[in-house]
Amino acid sequence: MHLEEVEGIVTSETNYSETSKIINVITKEHGLIGVMAKGARSLKSPFRSVTSKLTYGKFIIYYKENKLSTLKEVSIINSFKNLKKDITKISYAAYLLELSEGVIKQNNDKRVFELLIQSLIKINDGFDPLVIMNILELKYLDFLGVMPVLDRCAICGRKTGITTLSSYRGGYVCNKCFTNEKRVSSKTIKLIRMFYYVDISKITKLDISPEAKNEINMFLDDYYTRYTGLYLKSKSFIKNLQKLIN
């Protein structure tokens, strides 16, 4: 055990004893780690306000590899002030935290942390949370080893004549392989490929039609159900929220 400073974000928390809690933190340096925050539930504890979900900062911890570390100090990097004022944004953020935790448990890749933070910053800055969520979901499929085919027909391999996008068929479908799959717009076919390559941190504008947003979201939602094995409560809440909004 040694004292170390790590950059991280709290993804979940569990009460421990009468006054303490254990927090899961996705860190830049070590991926997902568990940290004991002693006394964090006490009203006068300095840890009380900095050990809840969405706390993004520098954590000084007594680090134990593959074991529970112990919290010593926290300094906030970004409080996500705007995000926390909006129930819709908070709901999307909660899902991204749960999703990221699920992904990193299967593939402890340091890029997961960077992508998560970039996505939360964009939602906090006012960008469409649905689009940001879908971009992150698509990128995460790489880490889960089930990336859809988005550069050719998933059935025959042709790079021309792409006519639709199908979760059942595993990605793009060309006009020769098309049978009875649901058709999507040509904009959707182009956009989802752009989603995969875009640098989230460099996004300055999102001008996407409701039709394309809906088609991409439906594809990814079904694709996750079919291929990832991740069934998250926070995603169910978002689905219900979307029904209310629409």
Protein backbone atom coordinates (compact mmCIF):
# COMPACT_ATOMS: atom_id res chain seq x y z
CA MET A 1 0.00 0.00 0.00
CA HIS A 2 1.29 3.45 -0.93
CA LEU A 3 -0.03 7.00 -1.15
CA GLU A 4 -0.94 7.98 -4.71
CA GLU A 5 -2.87 10.69 -6.56
CA VAL A 6 -5.23 9.49 -9.29
CA GLU A 7 -7.64 11.28 -11.61
CA GLY A 8 -11.04 9.65 -11.54
CA ILE A 9 -14.83 9.79 -11.44
CA VAL A 10 -17.16 8.07 -8.99
CA THR A 11 -19.49 5.69 -10.83
CA SER A 12 -21.29 4.07 -7.91
CA GLU A 13 -21.37 3.98 -4.13
CA THR A 14 -22.35 1.47 -1.43
CA ASN A 15 -22.94 2.13 2.24
CA TYR A 16 -20.48 0.42 4.58
CA SER A 17 -20.99 0.23 8.34
CA GLU A 18 -22.92 3.08 9.98
CA THR A 19 -20.81 5.98 8.75
CA SER A 20 -18.62 4.89 5.83
CA LYS A 21 -19.10 3.97 2.19
CA ILE A 22 -17.26 2.16 -0.58
CA ILE A 23 -17.08 4.00 -3.88
CA ASN A 24 -16.23 2.62 -7.30
CA VAL A 25 -14.01 5.03 -9.20
CA ILE A 26 -12.97 4.80 -12.84
CA THR A 27 -9.47 6.22 -12.89
CA LYS A 28 -7.13 7.38 -15.60
CA GLU A 29 -4.26 5.40 -14.10
CA HIS A 30 -5.73 2.08 -12.93
CA GLY A 31 -9.13 1.67 -14.55
CA LEU A 32 -11.93 0.70 -12.13
CA ILE A 33 -10.95 0.59 -8.46
CA GLY A 34 -12.81 0.29 -5.16
CA VAL A 35 -12.10 2.91 -2.51
CA MET A 36 -13.09 2.97 1.16
CA ALA A 37 -14.28 6.43 2.24
CA LYS A 38 -14.22 6.26 6.03
CA GLY A 39 -16.85 8.39 7.75
CA ALA A 40 -18.19 9.70 4.42
CA ARG A 41 -21.83 9.37 5.54
CA SER A 42 -21.33 11.55 8.62
CA LEU A 43 -22.84 15.03 8.36
CA LYS A 44 -19.59 16.77 9.26
CA SER A 45 -17.31 14.61 7.11
CA PRO A 46 -15.29 16.41 4.39
CA PHE A 47 -15.88 13.31 2.24
CA ARG A 48 -19.67 13.60 2.35
CA SER A 49 -19.99 15.93 -0.65
CA VAL A 50 -17.14 14.50 -2.73
CA THR A 51 -17.89 10.77 -2.74
CA SER A 52 -21.22 10.74 -4.59
CA LYS A 53 -21.77 9.64 -8.19
CA LEU A 54 -20.44 12.06 -10.83
CA THR A 55 -17.68 13.36 -8.56
CA TYR A 56 -14.81 14.01 -10.98
CA GLY A 57 -11.52 15.03 -9.47
CA LYS A 58 -8.11 14.17 -8.11
CA PHE A 59 -8.26 11.44 -5.49
CA ILE A 60 -5.39 11.01 -3.05
CA ILE A 61 -5.61 7.41 -1.89
CA TYR A 62 -3.69 4.70 -0.14
CA TYR A 63 -3.63 2.48 -3.22
CA LYS A 64 -3.81 -1.30 -3.03
CA GLU A 65 -3.60 -3.13 -6.35
CA ASN A 66 -6.57 -5.48 -6.88
CA LYS A 67 -7.81 -4.67 -3.37
CA LEU A 68 -9.80 -1.97 -1.63
CA SER A 69 -7.91 1.33 -1.47
CA THR A 70 -8.51 3.99 1.19
CA LEU A 71 -9.46 7.62 0.52
CA LYS A 72 -7.36 10.43 2.03
CA GLU A 73 -8.36 13.55 0.08
CA VAL A 74 -10.36 14.76 -2.96
CA SER A 75 -10.06 17.91 -5.07
CA ILE A 76 -12.77 18.58 -7.67
CA ILE A 77 -11.81 19.05 -11.34
CA ASN A 78 -15.29 19.57 -12.77
CA SER A 79 -18.50 19.69 -10.74
CA PHE A 80 -20.74 19.25 -13.84
CA LYS A 81 -22.87 22.06 -12.45
CA ASN A 82 -25.12 22.50 -15.51
CA LEU A 83 -25.65 18.78 -15.92
CA LYS A 84 -26.84 18.34 -12.34
CA LYS A 85 -29.56 20.99 -12.76
CA ASP A 86 -31.43 18.97 -15.40
CA ILE A 87 -33.18 15.67 -14.64
CA THR A 88 -32.85 14.52 -18.27
CA LYS A 89 -29.11 15.18 -18.36
CA ILE A 90 -28.63 13.56 -14.96
CA SER A 91 -30.46 10.46 -16.20
CA TYR A 92 -28.23 10.14 -19.26
CA ALA A 93 -25.13 10.74 -17.14
CA ALA A 94 -26.19 8.03 -14.67
CA TYR A 95 -26.57 5.59 -17.55
CA LEU A 96 -23.15 6.49 -18.97
CA LEU A 97 -21.58 5.85 -15.56
CA GLU A 98 -23.25 2.45 -15.24
CA LEU A 99 -22.43 1.55 -18.84
CA SER A 100 -18.78 2.56 -18.44
CA GLU A 101 -18.47 0.49 -15.30
CA GLY A 102 -19.93 -2.50 -17.15
CA VAL A 103 -17.61 -2.04 -20.13
CA ILE A 104 -14.46 -1.61 -18.06
CA LYS A 105 -15.22 -4.78 -16.10
CA GLN A 106 -14.97 -6.66 -19.40
CA ASN A 107 -12.08 -4.66 -20.85
CA ASN A 108 -9.97 -2.54 -18.50
CA ASP A 109 -8.87 -0.17 -21.27
CA LYS A 110 -7.72 3.29 -20.16
CA ARG A 111 -9.53 4.89 -23.10
CA VAL A 112 -12.86 4.16 -21.40
CA PHE A 113 -12.09 6.83 -18.80
CA GLU A 114 -11.19 9.46 -21.40
CA LEU A 115 -14.29 8.77 -23.52
CA LEU A 116 -16.58 8.89 -20.48
CA ILE A 117 -15.20 12.22 -19.25
CA GLN A 118 -15.34 13.76 -22.74
CA SER A 119 -18.98 12.67 -23.08
CA LEU A 120 -20.03 14.07 -19.69
CA ILE A 121 -18.32 17.38 -20.46
CA LYS A 122 -20.25 17.67 -23.74
CA ILE A 123 -23.58 16.92 -22.03
CA ASN A 124 -22.70 19.47 -19.33
CA ASP A 125 -21.92 22.01 -22.09
CA GLY A 126 -25.41 21.60 -23.55
CA PHE A 127 -24.96 19.12 -26.39
CA ASP A 128 -27.78 16.66 -27.11
CA PRO A 129 -27.40 13.90 -24.48
CA LEU A 130 -29.05 11.30 -26.73
CA VAL A 131 -26.53 11.85 -29.52
CA ILE A 132 -23.58 11.90 -27.12
CA MET A 133 -24.85 8.70 -25.51
CA ASN A 134 -25.14 6.97 -28.88
CA ILE A 135 -21.64 8.05 -29.93
CA LEU A 136 -20.20 6.64 -26.71
CA GLU A 137 -22.25 3.45 -26.98
CA LEU A 138 -20.96 2.84 -30.47
CA LYS A 139 -17.32 3.43 -29.50
CA TYR A 140 -17.67 1.10 -26.50
CA LEU A 141 -18.70 -1.80 -28.76
CA ASP A 142 -15.05 -1.93 -29.85
CA PHE A 143 -13.98 -2.62 -26.26
CA LEU A 144 -16.70 -5.26 -25.90
CA GLY A 145 -15.49 -7.04 -29.03
CA VAL A 146 -18.82 -6.86 -30.87
CA MET A 147 -18.39 -3.88 -33.19
CA PRO A 148 -20.97 -3.82 -36.03
CA VAL A 149 -19.71 -3.83 -39.63
CA LEU A 150 -19.88 -0.22 -40.82
CA ASP A 151 -17.47 -0.13 -43.77
CA ARG A 152 -19.05 -2.80 -46.00
CA CYS A 153 -22.03 -5.12 -46.22
CA ALA A 154 -22.03 -7.36 -43.16
CA ILE A 155 -23.25 -10.31 -45.26
CA CYS A 156 -21.31 -10.25 -48.53
CA GLY A 157 -18.60 -7.64 -47.93
CA ARG A 158 -19.57 -5.29 -50.77
CA LYS A 159 -18.66 -1.64 -50.17
CA THR A 160 -21.19 -0.24 -52.63
CA GLY A 161 -24.96 -0.22 -52.70
CA ILE A 162 -25.39 -0.03 -48.92
CA THR A 163 -29.12 0.32 -48.39
CA THR A 164 -29.83 -0.10 -44.68
CA LEU A 165 -28.53 -0.77 -41.19
CA SER A 166 -29.59 -3.92 -39.36
CA SER A 167 -28.74 -5.05 -35.83
CA TYR A 168 -29.94 -8.55 -36.68
CA ARG A 169 -27.57 -8.77 -39.66
CA GLY A 170 -24.69 -7.17 -37.75
CA GLY A 171 -24.34 -3.79 -39.47
CA TYR A 172 -24.59 -2.48 -43.02
CA VAL A 173 -26.70 -4.38 -45.55
CA CYS A 174 -26.33 -3.85 -49.31
CA ASN A 175 -29.12 -3.85 -51.88
CA LYS A 176 -28.20 -7.35 -53.09
CA CYS A 177 -28.40 -8.88 -49.61
CA PHE A 178 -31.42 -6.87 -48.50
CA THR A 179 -34.46 -9.03 -47.74
CA ASN A 180 -37.09 -7.72 -45.35
CA GLU A 181 -34.95 -5.60 -43.01
CA LYS A 182 -36.33 -2.25 -41.94
CA ARG A 183 -34.94 0.52 -44.12
CA VAL A 184 -33.15 3.52 -42.61
CA SER A 185 -32.38 6.86 -44.22
CA SER A 186 -29.19 7.45 -46.18
CA LYS A 187 -28.27 10.10 -43.58
CA THR A 188 -28.42 7.49 -40.85
CA ILE A 189 -26.10 5.19 -42.80
CA LYS A 190 -23.52 7.98 -43.11
CA LEU A 191 -23.97 9.38 -39.61
CA ILE A 192 -23.43 6.18 -37.68
CA ARG A 193 -20.08 5.70 -39.38
CA MET A 194 -19.22 9.29 -38.51
CA PHE A 195 -20.21 8.60 -34.88
CA TYR A 196 -17.57 5.90 -34.72
CA TYR A 197 -14.74 8.10 -36.00
CA VAL A 198 -15.60 11.45 -34.41
CA ASP A 199 -13.39 12.79 -31.62
CA ILE A 200 -15.91 13.58 -28.87
CA SER A 201 -13.70 16.28 -27.35
CA LYS A 202 -13.66 18.18 -30.65
CA ILE A 203 -17.42 18.24 -31.29
CA THR A 204 -18.59 21.82 -31.74
CA LYS A 205 -21.97 21.30 -33.44
CA LEU A 206 -24.60 18.58 -33.64
CA ASP A 207 -27.19 19.20 -36.36
CA ILE A 208 -28.96 15.85 -36.70
CA SER A 209 -32.55 15.27 -37.76
CA PRO A 210 -35.01 13.62 -35.33
CA GLU A 211 -35.43 10.78 -37.85
CA ALA A 212 -31.71 9.96 -37.96
CA LYS A 213 -31.36 10.27 -34.17
CA ASN A 214 -34.25 7.89 -33.64
CA GLU A 215 -32.98 5.33 -36.18
CA ILE A 216 -29.45 5.28 -34.74
CA ASN A 217 -30.74 5.04 -31.18
CA MET A 218 -33.08 2.17 -32.06
CA PHE A 219 -30.27 0.32 -33.85
CA LEU A 220 -27.85 0.65 -30.93
CA ASP A 221 -30.48 -0.19 -28.35
CA ASP A 222 -31.34 -3.43 -30.16
CA TYR A 223 -27.68 -4.19 -30.90
CA TYR A 224 -26.73 -3.91 -27.23
CA THR A 225 -29.60 -6.23 -26.30
CA ARG A 226 -28.55 -8.81 -28.88
CA TYR A 227 -24.78 -8.88 -28.46
CA THR A 228 -23.41 -7.30 -25.26
CA GLY A 229 -25.11 -9.03 -22.35
CA LEU A 230 -25.37 -5.65 -20.58
CA TYR A 231 -28.84 -5.07 -19.16
CA LEU A 232 -28.73 -1.85 -17.18
CA LYS A 233 -31.48 -0.40 -14.99
CA SER A 234 -30.50 3.15 -15.88
CA LYS A 235 -31.14 2.45 -19.58
CA SER A 236 -34.70 1.35 -18.80
CA PHE A 237 -35.24 4.67 -17.02
CA ILE A 238 -34.00 6.58 -20.07
CA LYS A 239 -36.38 4.64 -22.33
CA ASN A 240 -39.29 5.63 -20.12
CA LEU A 241 -38.07 9.21 -20.05
CA GLN A 242 -37.88 9.30 -23.85
CA LYS A 243 -41.50 8.09 -24.07
CA LEU A 244 -42.61 10.96 -21.84
CA ILE A 245 -40.63 13.52 -23.86
CA ASN A 246 -41.89 12.21 -27.21
